[in-house]
C-alpha atoms as a PDB file:
ATOM      1  CA  MET A   1      28.571   1.761 -49.742  1.00  0.00           C
ATOM      2  CA  LYS A   2      24.807   1.169 -49.596  1.00  0.00           C
ATOM      3  CA  LYS A   3      22.708   4.273 -49.210  1.00  0.00           C
ATOM      4  CA  GLU A   4      20.366   3.763 -46.285  1.00  0.00           C
ATOM      5  CA  LYS A   5      16.698   3.660 -47.197  1.00  0.00           C
ATOM      6  CA  VAL A   6      14.286   5.773 -45.149  1.00  0.00           C
ATOM      7  CA  VAL A   7      10.568   4.999 -44.950  1.00  0.00           C
ATOM      8  CA  TYR A   8       8.165   7.509 -43.385  1.00  0.00           C
ATOM      9  CA  TYR A   9       5.052   6.258 -41.586  1.00  0.00           C
ATOM     10  CA  SER A  10       2.098   7.999 -40.005  1.00  0.00           C
ATOM     11  CA  ASP A  11       0.094   5.168 -38.441  1.00  0.00           C
ATOM     12  CA  ALA A  12       2.004   2.299 -36.849  1.00  0.00           C
ATOM     13  CA  LEU A  13      -1.126   0.207 -36.487  1.00  0.00           C
ATOM     14  CA  ASN A  14      -2.403   0.467 -40.060  1.00  0.00           C
ATOM     15  CA  ASP A  15       0.387   1.488 -42.479  1.00  0.00           C
ATOM     16  CA  ASP A  16       1.529  -1.353 -44.745  1.00  0.00           C
ATOM     17  CA  PHE A  17       4.737  -1.461 -46.793  1.00  0.00           C
ATOM     18  CA  ALA A  18       4.407  -4.933 -48.283  1.00  0.00           C
ATOM     19  CA  GLY A  19       4.342  -3.516 -51.804  1.00  0.00           C
ATOM     20  CA  THR A  20       1.890  -6.048 -53.228  1.00  0.00           C
ATOM     21  CA  SER A  21      -0.896  -5.135 -55.653  1.00  0.00           C
ATOM     22  CA  ILE A  22      -3.056  -8.267 -55.505  1.00  0.00           C
ATOM     23  CA  LYS A  23      -6.821  -7.820 -55.967  1.00  0.00           C
ATOM     24  CA  PRO A  24      -8.137  -9.683 -52.906  1.00  0.00           C
ATOM     25  CA  LEU A  25     -10.773 -12.382 -53.201  1.00  0.00           C
ATOM     26  CA  LYS A  26     -13.916 -11.891 -51.118  1.00  0.00           C
ATOM     27  CA  ILE A  27     -13.729 -14.465 -48.311  1.00  0.00           C
ATOM     28  CA  ASP A  28     -17.118 -15.357 -46.846  1.00  0.00           C
ATOM     29  CA  SER A  29     -18.998 -18.429 -45.576  1.00  0.00           C
ATOM     30  CA  SER A  30     -18.827 -20.090 -49.012  1.00  0.00           C
ATOM     31  CA  PHE A  31     -15.030 -20.311 -48.812  1.00  0.00           C
ATOM     32  CA  PRO A  32     -13.679 -23.842 -48.045  1.00  0.00           C
ATOM     33  CA  PHE A  33     -11.744 -22.990 -44.887  1.00  0.00           C
ATOM     34  CA  LYS A  34     -11.116 -26.626 -44.023  1.00  0.00           C
ATOM     35  CA  PRO A  35     -10.957 -28.836 -47.094  1.00  0.00           C
ATOM     36  CA  ALA A  36     -11.385 -32.549 -46.368  1.00  0.00           C
ATOM     37  CA  GLY A  37     -11.291 -35.877 -48.172  1.00  0.00           C
ATOM     38  CA  LEU A  38      -8.636 -38.514 -48.708  1.00  0.00           C
ATOM     39  CA  LEU A  39      -7.201 -37.025 -51.901  1.00  0.00           C
ATOM     40  CA  TRP A  40      -6.869 -33.637 -50.198  1.00  0.00           C
ATOM     41  CA  ARG A  41      -5.076 -35.108 -47.167  1.00  0.00           C
ATOM     42  CA  ILE A  42      -2.650 -37.021 -49.394  1.00  0.00           C
ATOM     43  CA  GLY A  43      -1.957 -33.974 -51.531  1.00  0.00           C
ATOM     44  CA  GLU A  44      -1.556 -31.768 -48.456  1.00  0.00           C
ATOM     45  CA  TRP A  45       1.022 -34.146 -46.935  1.00  0.00           C
ATOM     46  CA  LEU A  46       2.992 -34.501 -50.155  1.00  0.00           C
ATOM     47  CA  ALA A  47       2.977 -30.721 -50.873  1.00  0.00           C
ATOM     48  CA  TYR A  48       3.947 -29.782 -47.344  1.00  0.00           C
ATOM     49  CA  TYR A  49       6.568 -32.319 -46.369  1.00  0.00           C
ATOM     50  CA  LEU A  50       8.072 -33.477 -49.647  1.00  0.00           C
ATOM     51  CA  VAL A  51       8.028 -30.263 -51.674  1.00  0.00           C
ATOM     52  CA  ALA A  52       7.581 -27.167 -49.544  1.00  0.00           C
ATOM     53  CA  ALA A  53       9.533 -28.108 -46.383  1.00  0.00           C
ATOM     54  CA  PRO A  54      12.859 -28.754 -48.183  1.00  0.00           C
ATOM     55  CA  LEU A  55      12.566 -25.654 -50.368  1.00  0.00           C
ATOM     56  CA  ILE A  56      11.615 -23.438 -47.414  1.00  0.00           C
ATOM     57  CA  ALA A  57      14.550 -24.772 -45.392  1.00  0.00           C
ATOM     58  CA  ILE A  58      17.042 -24.034 -48.234  1.00  0.00           C
ATOM     59  CA  PHE A  59      15.603 -20.563 -48.878  1.00  0.00           C
ATOM     60  CA  CYS A  60      15.479 -19.498 -45.245  1.00  0.00           C
ATOM     61  CA  TYR A  61      18.633 -21.049 -43.829  1.00  0.00           C
ATOM     62  CA  VAL A  62      20.890 -20.455 -46.850  1.00  0.00           C
ATOM     63  CA  GLY A  63      19.315 -17.501 -48.635  1.00  0.00           C
ATOM     64  CA  CYS A  64      18.086 -15.470 -45.658  1.00  0.00           C
ATOM     65  CA  GLY A  65      20.687 -16.635 -43.117  1.00  0.00           C
ATOM     66  CA  PHE A  66      18.050 -17.721 -40.582  1.00  0.00           C
ATOM     67  CA  ARG A  67      19.064 -18.966 -37.161  1.00  0.00           C
ATOM     68  CA  PHE A  68      16.836 -20.055 -34.275  1.00  0.00           C
ATOM     69  CA  LYS A  69      17.403 -19.692 -30.549  1.00  0.00           C
ATOM     70  CA  ASN A  70      15.651 -21.558 -27.705  1.00  0.00           C
ATOM     71  CA  ARG A  71      14.090 -24.319 -29.789  1.00  0.00           C
ATOM     72  CA  ARG A  72      14.132 -26.511 -26.712  1.00  0.00           C
ATOM     73  CA  ALA A  73      11.208 -24.487 -25.355  1.00  0.00           C
ATOM     74  CA  LEU A  74       8.985 -26.181 -27.959  1.00  0.00           C
ATOM     75  CA  ARG A  75       9.396 -29.534 -26.270  1.00  0.00           C
ATOM     76  CA  LYS A  76       6.863 -28.336 -23.701  1.00  0.00           C
ATOM     77  CA  VAL A  77       4.171 -28.027 -26.367  1.00  0.00           C
ATOM     78  CA  ARG A  78       5.016 -30.898 -28.659  1.00  0.00           C
ATOM     79  CA  ASN A  79       1.991 -32.917 -27.498  1.00  0.00           C
ATOM     80  CA  THR A  80      -0.560 -30.145 -27.991  1.00  0.00           C
ATOM     81  CA  GLY A  81      -1.662 -27.600 -30.541  1.00  0.00           C
ATOM     82  CA  TYR A  82      -0.469 -24.060 -29.942  1.00  0.00           C
ATOM     83  CA  PHE A  83      -0.298 -20.582 -31.441  1.00  0.00           C
ATOM     84  CA  ILE A  84       2.809 -18.762 -32.666  1.00  0.00           C
ATOM     85  CA  TYR A  85       2.844 -14.958 -32.471  1.00  0.00           C
ATOM     86  CA  ALA A  86       5.620 -13.211 -34.394  1.00  0.00           C
ATOM     87  CA  ASN A  87       6.610  -9.755 -35.573  1.00  0.00           C
ATOM     88  CA  HIS A  88       5.858  -9.107 -39.241  1.00  0.00           C
ATOM     89  CA  THR A  89       8.950  -7.834 -41.023  1.00  0.00           C
ATOM     90  CA  HIS A  90       9.260  -9.658 -44.350  1.00  0.00           C
ATOM     91  CA  ILE A  91       7.143 -11.295 -47.049  1.00  0.00           C
ATOM     92  CA  SER A  92       8.930 -14.557 -46.270  1.00  0.00           C
ATOM     93  CA  ASP A  93       7.396 -14.513 -42.761  1.00  0.00           C
ATOM     94  CA  ALA A  94       4.849 -16.968 -44.202  1.00  0.00           C
ATOM     95  CA  PHE A  95       7.637 -19.581 -43.864  1.00  0.00           C
ATOM     96  CA  LEU A  96       8.436 -18.774 -40.219  1.00  0.00           C
ATOM     97  CA  SER A  97       5.740 -20.839 -38.516  1.00  0.00           C
ATOM     98  CA  PRO A  98       6.515 -24.007 -40.537  1.00  0.00           C
ATOM     99  CA  LEU A  99      10.207 -23.647 -39.614  1.00  0.00           C
ATOM    100  CA  VAL A 100       9.437 -23.124 -35.945  1.00  0.00           C
ATOM    101  CA  ALA A 101       6.882 -25.911 -35.594  1.00  0.00           C
ATOM    102  CA  PHE A 102       8.537 -28.606 -37.790  1.00  0.00           C
ATOM    103  CA  PRO A 103       7.904 -31.536 -37.829  1.00  0.00           C
ATOM    104  CA  LYS A 104       4.462 -30.493 -36.552  1.00  0.00           C
ATOM    105  CA  LYS A 105       2.254 -29.106 -39.347  1.00  0.00           C
ATOM    106  CA  ALA A 106       1.793 -25.353 -39.079  1.00  0.00           C
ATOM    107  CA  HIS A 107      -0.938 -23.157 -40.469  1.00  0.00           C
ATOM    108  CA  VAL A 108      -0.777 -19.384 -40.882  1.00  0.00           C
ATOM    109  CA  VAL A 109      -3.581 -16.904 -40.598  1.00  0.00           C
ATOM    110  CA  THR A 110      -3.282 -14.732 -43.690  1.00  0.00           C
ATOM    111  CA  SER A 111      -5.015 -11.836 -45.421  1.00  0.00           C
ATOM    112  CA  PRO A 112      -7.322 -12.724 -48.361  1.00  0.00           C
ATOM    113  CA  ASP A 113      -4.438 -11.766 -50.710  1.00  0.00           C
ATOM    114  CA  ALA A 114      -2.709 -15.063 -49.980  1.00  0.00           C
ATOM    115  CA  VAL A 115      -5.473 -17.105 -51.642  1.00  0.00           C
ATOM    116  CA  SER A 116      -6.341 -14.598 -54.330  1.00  0.00           C
ATOM    117  CA  ILE A 117      -3.781 -15.560 -57.000  1.00  0.00           C
ATOM    118  CA  LYS A 118      -5.642 -17.485 -59.672  1.00  0.00           C
ATOM    119  CA  GLY A 119      -4.609 -21.139 -59.888  1.00  0.00           C
ATOM    120  CA  LEU A 120      -2.659 -21.170 -56.630  1.00  0.00           C
ATOM    121  CA  ARG A 121      -5.368 -21.196 -53.974  1.00  0.00           C
ATOM    122  CA  THR A 122      -5.361 -24.976 -53.519  1.00  0.00           C
ATOM    123  CA  LEU A 123      -1.580 -25.148 -53.168  1.00  0.00           C
ATOM    124  CA  VAL A 124      -1.472 -22.198 -50.769  1.00  0.00           C
ATOM    125  CA  GLN A 125      -4.087 -23.841 -48.582  1.00  0.00           C
ATOM    126  CA  MET A 126      -2.245 -27.145 -48.674  1.00  0.00           C
ATOM    127  CA  LEU A 127       0.787 -25.262 -47.415  1.00  0.00           C
ATOM    128  CA  GLY A 128      -1.183 -24.028 -44.426  1.00  0.00           C
ATOM    129  CA  ALA A 129      -2.903 -20.735 -45.247  1.00  0.00           C
ATOM    130  CA  ILE A 130      -6.136 -19.921 -43.417  1.00  0.00           C
ATOM    131  CA  PRO A 131      -7.419 -16.592 -44.759  1.00  0.00           C
ATOM    132  CA  LEU A 132      -9.311 -14.114 -42.626  1.00  0.00           C
ATOM    133  CA  PRO A 133     -12.891 -13.496 -43.782  1.00  0.00           C
ATOM    134  CA  SER A 134     -13.530 -10.215 -45.542  1.00  0.00           C
ATOM    135  CA  GLY A 135     -16.394  -9.453 -43.092  1.00  0.00           C
ATOM    136  CA  ARG A 136     -18.560 -11.046 -40.442  1.00  0.00           C
ATOM    137  CA  ASP A 137     -19.954 -13.547 -42.945  1.00  0.00           C
ATOM    138  CA  GLY A 138     -17.572 -16.485 -42.788  1.00  0.00           C
ATOM    139  CA  MET A 139     -16.223 -15.813 -39.310  1.00  0.00           C
ATOM    140  CA  GLU A 140     -18.002 -18.816 -37.831  1.00  0.00           C
ATOM    141  CA  GLU A 141     -16.528 -21.145 -40.472  1.00  0.00           C
ATOM    142  CA  PHE A 142     -13.092 -19.551 -40.051  1.00  0.00           C
ATOM    143  CA  MET A 143     -13.194 -20.059 -36.254  1.00  0.00           C
ATOM    144  CA  ALA A 144     -14.306 -23.651 -36.688  1.00  0.00           C
ATOM    145  CA  ALA A 145     -11.393 -24.380 -39.032  1.00  0.00           C
ATOM    146  CA  MET A 146      -8.923 -22.815 -36.602  1.00  0.00           C
ATOM    147  CA  ARG A 147     -10.368 -24.772 -33.668  1.00  0.00           C
ATOM    148  CA  SER A 148     -10.210 -28.027 -35.605  1.00  0.00           C
ATOM    149  CA  ARG A 149      -6.582 -27.479 -36.592  1.00  0.00           C
ATOM    150  CA  VAL A 150      -5.312 -26.553 -33.171  1.00  0.00           C
ATOM    151  CA  ASP A 151      -7.313 -29.303 -31.457  1.00  0.00           C
ATOM    152  CA  SER A 152      -5.706 -31.863 -33.779  1.00  0.00           C
ATOM    153  CA  GLY A 153      -2.273 -30.830 -32.411  1.00  0.00           C
ATOM    154  CA  ARG A 154      -1.165 -28.463 -35.153  1.00  0.00           C
ATOM    155  CA  ALA A 155       0.429 -25.037 -34.737  1.00  0.00           C
ATOM    156  CA  ILE A 156      -1.140 -21.834 -36.013  1.00  0.00           C
ATOM    157  CA  GLY A 157       0.976 -18.756 -36.793  1.00  0.00           C
ATOM    158  CA  ILE A 158      -0.391 -15.268 -36.324  1.00  0.00           C
ATOM    159  CA  PHE A 159       1.181 -11.860 -36.970  1.00  0.00           C
ATOM    160  CA  PRO A 160      -0.523  -9.485 -34.519  1.00  0.00           C
ATOM    161  CA  GLU A 161       1.094  -6.398 -36.134  1.00  0.00           C
ATOM    162  CA  ALA A 162      -1.004  -7.415 -39.183  1.00  0.00           C
ATOM    163  CA  HIS A 163       0.984  -5.368 -41.724  1.00  0.00           C
ATOM    164  CA  ILE A 164       4.441  -6.032 -43.201  1.00  0.00           C
ATOM    165  CA  TRP A 165       7.209  -3.516 -42.464  1.00  0.00           C
ATOM    166  CA  PRO A 166      10.244  -4.981 -44.256  1.00  0.00           C
ATOM    167  CA  TYR A 167      13.374  -5.309 -42.063  1.00  0.00           C
ATOM    168  CA  CYS A 168      11.812  -3.259 -39.244  1.00  0.00           C
ATOM    169  CA  ILE A 169      13.965  -3.742 -36.122  1.00  0.00           C
ATOM    170  CA  PHE A 170      11.427  -2.508 -33.595  1.00  0.00           C
ATOM    171  CA  VAL A 171       8.142  -4.095 -32.565  1.00  0.00           C
ATOM    172  CA  ARG A 172       5.046  -2.041 -33.210  1.00  0.00           C
ATOM    173  CA  ASP A 173       2.041  -1.757 -30.972  1.00  0.00           C
ATOM    174  CA  PHE A 174      -0.781  -4.224 -31.656  1.00  0.00           C
ATOM    175  CA  LYS A 175      -4.229  -4.933 -30.291  1.00  0.00           C
ATOM    176  CA  ALA A 176      -5.358  -7.890 -28.191  1.00  0.00           C
ATOM    177  CA  GLY A 177      -7.961  -9.128 -30.682  1.00  0.00           C
ATOM    178  CA  SER A 178      -5.879 -11.888 -32.255  1.00  0.00           C
ATOM    179  CA  PHE A 179      -5.215 -13.382 -28.810  1.00  0.00           C
ATOM    180  CA  ARG A 180      -8.835 -14.340 -28.421  1.00  0.00           C
ATOM    181  CA  TYR A 181      -8.246 -17.784 -29.939  1.00  0.00           C
ATOM    182  CA  PRO A 182      -5.861 -19.205 -27.283  1.00  0.00           C
ATOM    183  CA  ALA A 183      -7.889 -17.455 -24.559  1.00  0.00           C
ATOM    184  CA  LEU A 184     -11.129 -19.012 -25.792  1.00  0.00           C
ATOM    185  CA  TRP A 185      -9.741 -22.468 -26.321  1.00  0.00           C
ATOM    186  CA  ASN A 186      -7.199 -22.549 -23.466  1.00  0.00           C
ATOM    187  CA  LYS A 187      -4.217 -23.204 -25.776  1.00  0.00           C
ATOM    188  CA  PRO A 188      -0.592 -22.195 -25.147  1.00  0.00           C
ATOM    189  CA  ILE A 189       1.238 -19.634 -27.230  1.00  0.00           C
ATOM    190  CA  VAL A 190       4.899 -19.007 -28.045  1.00  0.00           C
ATOM    191  CA  ALA A 191       6.204 -15.640 -29.174  1.00  0.00           C
ATOM    192  CA  VAL A 192       8.858 -15.547 -31.896  1.00  0.00           C
ATOM    193  CA  CYS A 193      10.871 -12.420 -32.522  1.00  0.00           C
ATOM    194  CA  VAL A 194      12.810 -12.117 -35.780  1.00  0.00           C
ATOM    195  CA  THR A 195      15.910  -9.935 -35.247  1.00  0.00           C
ATOM    196  CA  TYR A 196      18.398  -8.579 -37.768  1.00  0.00           C
ATOM    197  CA  GLN A 197      22.176  -8.646 -37.792  1.00  0.00           C
ATOM    198  CA  ARG A 198      24.871  -7.600 -40.254  1.00  0.00           C
ATOM    199  CA  ARG A 199      26.373 -10.524 -42.181  1.00  0.00           C
ATOM    200  CA  ARG A 200      29.933 -11.291 -41.180  1.00  0.00           C
ATOM    201  CA  GLY A 201      32.890 -13.196 -42.627  1.00  0.00           C
ATOM    202  CA  ILE A 202      32.839 -14.264 -46.265  1.00  0.00           C
ATOM    203  CA  LEU A 203      29.200 -13.100 -46.586  1.00  0.00           C
ATOM    204  CA  GLY A 204      29.990  -9.632 -45.253  1.00  0.00           C
ATOM    205  CA  PHE A 205      29.693  -8.121 -48.780  1.00  0.00           C
ATOM    206  CA  ILE A 206      25.945  -8.861 -48.745  1.00  0.00           C
ATOM    207  CA  ASN A 207      24.100  -5.744 -47.643  1.00  0.00           C
ATOM    208  CA  SER A 208      20.844  -7.422 -46.604  1.00  0.00           C
ATOM    209  CA  PRO A 209      20.958  -8.650 -42.989  1.00  0.00           C
ATOM    210  CA  ARG A 210      20.772 -12.180 -41.711  1.00  0.00           C
ATOM    211  CA  ARG A 211      17.987 -13.101 -39.305  1.00  0.00           C
ATOM    212  CA  THR A 212      17.936 -14.690 -35.891  1.00  0.00           C
ATOM    213  CA  ALA A 213      14.553 -15.799 -34.490  1.00  0.00           C
ATOM    214  CA  TYR A 214      14.239 -16.035 -30.730  1.00  0.00           C
ATOM    215  CA  ILE A 215      11.534 -18.342 -29.397  1.00  0.00           C
ATOM    216  CA  SER A 216       9.902 -17.672 -26.000  1.00  0.00           C
ATOM    217  CA  ASP A 217       8.962 -20.246 -23.442  1.00  0.00           C
ATOM    218  CA  PRO A 218       5.281 -21.193 -23.739  1.00  0.00           C
ATOM    219  CA  MET A 219       2.748 -18.803 -22.269  1.00  0.00           C
ATOM    220  CA  TYR A 220      -0.625 -19.989 -21.055  1.00  0.00           C
ATOM    221  CA  PRO A 221      -4.014 -18.270 -20.733  1.00  0.00           C
ATOM    222  CA  ASP A 222      -4.874 -17.387 -17.141  1.00  0.00           C
ATOM    223  CA  SER A 223      -8.116 -19.290 -16.551  1.00  0.00           C
ATOM    224  CA  SER A 224      -8.719 -17.415 -13.296  1.00  0.00           C
ATOM    225  CA  LEU A 225      -9.361 -14.176 -15.209  1.00  0.00           C
ATOM    226  CA  PRO A 226     -12.405 -13.111 -17.235  1.00  0.00           C
ATOM    227  CA  PHE A 227     -11.972 -13.714 -20.944  1.00  0.00           C
ATOM    228  CA  THR A 228     -11.131 -10.123 -21.962  1.00  0.00           C
ATOM    229  CA  GLU A 229      -8.529  -9.836 -19.195  1.00  0.00           C
ATOM    230  CA  ALA A 230      -7.006 -13.218 -20.010  1.00  0.00           C
ATOM    231  CA  ARG A 231      -6.738 -12.178 -23.659  1.00  0.00           C
ATOM    232  CA  GLN A 232      -5.136  -8.867 -22.744  1.00  0.00           C
ATOM    233  CA  LYS A 233      -2.662 -10.575 -20.416  1.00  0.00           C
ATOM    234  CA  LEU A 234      -1.518 -12.897 -23.186  1.00  0.00           C
ATOM    235  CA  ARG A 235      -1.114  -9.952 -25.518  1.00  0.00           C
ATOM    236  CA  ASP A 236       0.918  -8.004 -22.984  1.00  0.00           C
ATOM    237  CA  GLU A 237       3.209 -10.931 -22.217  1.00  0.00           C
ATOM    238  CA  ALA A 238       3.842 -11.621 -25.909  1.00  0.00           C
ATOM    239  CA  HIS A 239       4.376  -7.924 -26.704  1.00  0.00           C
ATOM    240  CA  GLU A 240       6.847  -7.527 -23.821  1.00  0.00           C
ATOM    241  CA  PHE A 241       8.906 -10.502 -25.044  1.00  0.00           C
ATOM    242  CA  LEU A 242       8.935  -9.266 -28.615  1.00  0.00           C
ATOM    243  CA  VAL A 243       9.877  -5.684 -27.710  1.00  0.00           C
ATOM    244  CA  LYS A 244      12.666  -6.671 -25.299  1.00  0.00           C
ATOM    245  CA  THR A 245      14.080  -9.266 -27.658  1.00  0.00           C
ATOM    246  CA  ALA A 246      14.129  -6.911 -30.651  1.00  0.00           C
ATOM    247  CA  GLU A 247      15.818  -4.200 -28.624  1.00  0.00           C
ATOM    248  CA  ALA A 248      18.449  -6.620 -27.288  1.00  0.00           C
ATOM    249  CA  HIS A 249      19.342  -8.503 -30.461  1.00  0.00           C
ATOM    250  CA  SER A 250      18.689  -6.409 -33.581  1.00  0.00           C
ATOM    251  CA  ASP A 251      21.904  -4.556 -34.306  1.00  0.00           C
ATOM    252  CA  TYR A 252      21.640  -3.644 -38.008  1.00  0.00           C
ATOM    253  CA  THR A 253      19.182  -1.122 -39.454  1.00  0.00           C
ATOM    254  CA  TYR A 254      18.703  -1.946 -43.109  1.00  0.00           C
ATOM    255  CA  ILE A 255      15.649   0.298 -43.513  1.00  0.00           C
ATOM    256  CA  HIS A 256      14.990   3.269 -41.271  1.00  0.00           C
ATOM    257  CA  TYR A 257      11.342   3.806 -40.265  1.00  0.00           C
ATOM    258  CA  VAL A 258      10.727   7.406 -39.266  1.00  0.00           C
ATOM    259  CA  LYS A 259       7.491   8.869 -37.857  1.00  0.00           C
ATOM    260  CA  ALA A 260       6.275  11.493 -40.302  1.00  0.00           C
ATOM    261  CA  ASP A 261       5.842  15.030 -39.072  1.00  0.00           C
ATOM    262  CA  MET A 262       2.143  15.666 -39.438  1.00  0.00           C
ATOM    263  CA  GLY A 263       2.448  19.406 -38.716  1.00  0.00           C
ATOM    264  CA  ASP A 264       1.741  22.111 -41.259  1.00  0.00           C
ATOM    265  CA  GLY A 265       5.417  22.914 -41.668  1.00  0.00           C
END
């Protein structure tokens, strides 16, 4: 019988348990946030649809046991760009937005780590990565790339929890900052909650859980509110959906996350 793993945390907003040791590249205004050109567009299409999409589907549906609920909600945003906000519970979350949005092209806002592996930056960008700038320098170019992608009808995935907590079955608190994009540009969002269940039947011998992702109906910025209030409202609506869905549908704790006792004893 598998011994349950326990992970202690002290700061739910900032602790990260991804376990990577990549030296991040400095991302500033010199970074090519939105590569262009005919050869790039051809390479991007081939890499995304002919190579990555089939491999991602096999890995996620077969290897991880992914299932999706309420896909029909996406029909309401098929003719517009939109943002996907999901809980961050596995390194393979990078594949979640492409699976949700398919056949629409999806991008993912990532940390600089994603484009810091030597020789892989071009491929990672072709597959949809848009890295956050390391500081204020580059933010204008980053925002312009985001705006261009979503205005062209693509989806953009964001993980508002920011840090990976593998197999975490509860949704952590997160700030409203990442909701400024849909609030600024009046774009809809959908929340996607990945939940965890014990494998059954002939796969019951596998300890790692399968995953079911629940998709919300689209949520829209409230244009009658000031910007900061509209941003906060979107955050609160997405957080409520994620929390309630995780509580209702995650029934298997693979890793226990326990708040550390910060007392002297």
